[in-house]
Every structure is written in C-alpha cells, then in structure tokens.
Amino acid sequence: MNHSTIAIEPPQILVFRTNITEPIEVKKLEQVMNIPEVIKWNIDLDDCDKVLRVVTHRLTSLHVISAVAGQGVMCAELED
C-alpha cells in the first residue's frame, strides 16, 4: 500500500483597507465573498481602516480587490 502524502498549503490571510462604513454596505460583498475559494471573511467596521480580512487557499489580493471594486467599494491591500 502506497501512503504518499499530499502537501496542503495552509490558508493565507489577505488584509485590505476599505471605505465601508455601514453594515448595509457589508451586504454588498456577500455575493462576491461567499464563494468556495473564500474560507472565511469579515469586515471590522470599528477599525479606522474598515479592515476586510479574507482567508483563502486560492485567491490573490488582485482577485479580491477586483471583486470588491465591482461592487463599488474601494479596497486596497494593507501590508504587514
């Protein structure tokens, strides 16, 4: 019996500054964030940068920025 191991990459956490200020605006993102490639996402409306955090195995920052911009929301990656 062959027990080959498949390396599974750990998920990455992408962090962005947004211009979202109201919970109703968070709803706009549900259709682009509630997809199989996104493991988990949230927006911290109490943070001055209205931080969007996305946990994913597959998406890049550019994918997220493009999807969010398509909903009329400003989104810029925050560096470490």
C-alpha atoms as a PDB file:
ATOM      1  CA  MET A   1       0.000   0.000   0.000  1.00  0.00           C
ATOM      2  CA  ASN A   2       1.416   3.371  -1.014  1.00  0.00           C
ATOM      3  CA  HIS A   3       0.959   6.164   1.542  1.00  0.00           C
ATOM      4  CA  SER A   4       2.021   9.183  -0.467  1.00  0.00           C
ATOM      5  CA  THR A   5       1.446  12.472   1.254  1.00  0.00           C
ATOM      6  CA  ILE A   6      -0.063  15.425  -0.482  1.00  0.00           C
ATOM      7  CA  ALA A   7       1.170  18.754   0.792  1.00  0.00           C
ATOM      8  CA  ILE A   8      -1.732  21.046   1.508  1.00  0.00           C
ATOM      9  CA  GLU A   9      -0.867  24.698   1.596  1.00  0.00           C
ATOM     10  CA  PRO A  10      -2.045  26.497   4.698  1.00  0.00           C
ATOM     11  CA  PRO A  11      -4.644  29.164   4.018  1.00  0.00           C
ATOM     12  CA  GLN A  12      -3.454  32.707   3.597  1.00  0.00           C
ATOM     13  CA  ILE A  13      -4.998  35.747   5.207  1.00  0.00           C
ATOM     14  CA  LEU A  14      -5.369  38.759   2.941  1.00  0.00           C
ATOM     15  CA  VAL A  15      -5.979  42.107   4.638  1.00  0.00           C
ATOM     16  CA  PHE A  16      -7.413  45.231   2.990  1.00  0.00           C
ATOM     17  CA  ARG A  17      -8.441  48.796   3.828  1.00  0.00           C
ATOM     18  CA  THR A  18     -11.943  49.643   2.587  1.00  0.00           C
ATOM     19  CA  ASN A  19     -14.319  52.597   2.540  1.00  0.00           C
ATOM     20  CA  ILE A  20     -17.234  50.627   4.015  1.00  0.00           C
ATOM     21  CA  THR A  21     -18.927  52.430   6.902  1.00  0.00           C
ATOM     22  CA  GLU A  22     -22.340  50.807   7.297  1.00  0.00           C
ATOM     23  CA  PRO A  23     -23.495  47.202   7.839  1.00  0.00           C
ATOM     24  CA  ILE A  24     -25.763  47.523   4.797  1.00  0.00           C
ATOM     25  CA  GLU A  25     -22.634  48.030   2.685  1.00  0.00           C
ATOM     26  CA  VAL A  26     -21.186  44.778   4.023  1.00  0.00           C
ATOM     27  CA  LYS A  27     -24.197  43.036   2.454  1.00  0.00           C
ATOM     28  CA  LYS A  28     -22.985  44.212  -0.984  1.00  0.00           C
ATOM     29  CA  LEU A  29     -19.931  41.997  -0.609  1.00  0.00           C
ATOM     30  CA  GLU A  30     -21.755  38.809   0.320  1.00  0.00           C
ATOM     31  CA  GLN A  31     -22.252  37.698  -3.286  1.00  0.00           C
ATOM     32  CA  VAL A  32     -18.559  38.073  -4.142  1.00  0.00           C
ATOM     33  CA  MET A  33     -17.182  36.782  -0.825  1.00  0.00           C
ATOM     34  CA  ASN A  34     -19.497  33.816  -0.244  1.00  0.00           C
ATOM     35  CA  ILE A  35     -17.748  31.599  -2.793  1.00  0.00           C
ATOM     36  CA  PRO A  36     -15.896  28.274  -2.387  1.00  0.00           C
ATOM     37  CA  GLU A  37     -12.462  29.931  -2.742  1.00  0.00           C
ATOM     38  CA  VAL A  38     -13.119  32.042   0.373  1.00  0.00           C
ATOM     39  CA  ILE A  39     -12.862  30.068   3.605  1.00  0.00           C
ATOM     40  CA  LYS A  40     -13.844  32.968   5.828  1.00  0.00           C
ATOM     41  CA  TRP A  41     -14.168  36.758   5.569  1.00  0.00           C
ATOM     42  CA  ASN A  42     -15.121  39.665   7.790  1.00  0.00           C
ATOM     43  CA  ILE A  43     -15.037  43.447   7.959  1.00  0.00           C
ATOM     44  CA  ASP A  44     -14.098  45.362  11.107  1.00  0.00           C
ATOM     45  CA  LEU A  45     -16.282  48.478  10.982  1.00  0.00           C
ATOM     46  CA  ASP A  46     -14.790  49.679  14.288  1.00  0.00           C
ATOM     47  CA  ASP A  47     -11.275  49.899  12.816  1.00  0.00           C
ATOM     48  CA  CYS A  48     -10.286  53.246  11.270  1.00  0.00           C
ATOM     49  CA  ASP A  49      -9.320  51.414   8.044  1.00  0.00           C
ATOM     50  CA  LYS A  50     -12.591  49.412   7.938  1.00  0.00           C
ATOM     51  CA  VAL A  51     -10.440  46.310   7.538  1.00  0.00           C
ATOM     52  CA  LEU A  52     -11.572  43.445   5.317  1.00  0.00           C
ATOM     53  CA  ARG A  53      -9.905  40.108   6.135  1.00  0.00           C
ATOM     54  CA  VAL A  54     -10.176  37.225   3.699  1.00  0.00           C
ATOM     55  CA  VAL A  55      -8.957  33.688   4.437  1.00  0.00           C
ATOM     56  CA  THR A  56      -8.376  31.742   1.212  1.00  0.00           C
ATOM     57  CA  HIS A  57      -6.321  28.963  -0.376  1.00  0.00           C
ATOM     58  CA  ARG A  58      -6.660  30.171  -3.951  1.00  0.00           C
ATOM     59  CA  LEU A  59      -7.377  33.874  -4.342  1.00  0.00           C
ATOM     60  CA  THR A  60      -4.792  36.596  -4.735  1.00  0.00           C
ATOM     61  CA  SER A  61      -5.049  40.158  -3.487  1.00  0.00           C
ATOM     62  CA  LEU A  62      -5.811  41.288  -7.039  1.00  0.00           C
ATOM     63  CA  HIS A  63      -8.763  38.869  -7.262  1.00  0.00           C
ATOM     64  CA  VAL A  64     -10.251  40.289  -4.060  1.00  0.00           C
ATOM     65  CA  ILE A  65      -9.622  43.934  -4.990  1.00  0.00           C
ATOM     66  CA  SER A  66     -11.250  43.417  -8.397  1.00  0.00           C
ATOM     67  CA  ALA A  67     -14.292  41.618  -6.963  1.00  0.00           C
ATOM     68  CA  VAL A  68     -14.823  44.234  -4.249  1.00  0.00           C
ATOM     69  CA  ALA A  69     -14.341  47.132  -6.687  1.00  0.00           C
ATOM     70  CA  GLY A  70     -17.002  45.534  -8.869  1.00  0.00           C
ATOM     71  CA  GLN A  71     -19.425  46.139  -6.004  1.00  0.00           C
ATOM     72  CA  GLY A  72     -18.498  49.832  -5.854  1.00  0.00           C
ATOM     73  CA  VAL A  73     -16.295  49.504  -2.774  1.00  0.00           C
ATOM     74  CA  MET A  74     -12.767  50.913  -2.508  1.00  0.00           C
ATOM     75  CA  CYS A  75     -10.306  48.237  -1.427  1.00  0.00           C
ATOM     76  CA  ALA A  76      -6.511  48.475  -1.008  1.00  0.00           C
ATOM     77  CA  GLU A  77      -4.186  45.834   0.393  1.00  0.00           C
ATOM     78  CA  LEU A  78      -2.657  46.537   3.797  1.00  0.00           C
ATOM     79  CA  GLU A  79       0.939  45.412   4.138  1.00  0.00           C
ATOM     80  CA  ASP A  80       2.281  43.658   7.255  1.00  0.00           C
END
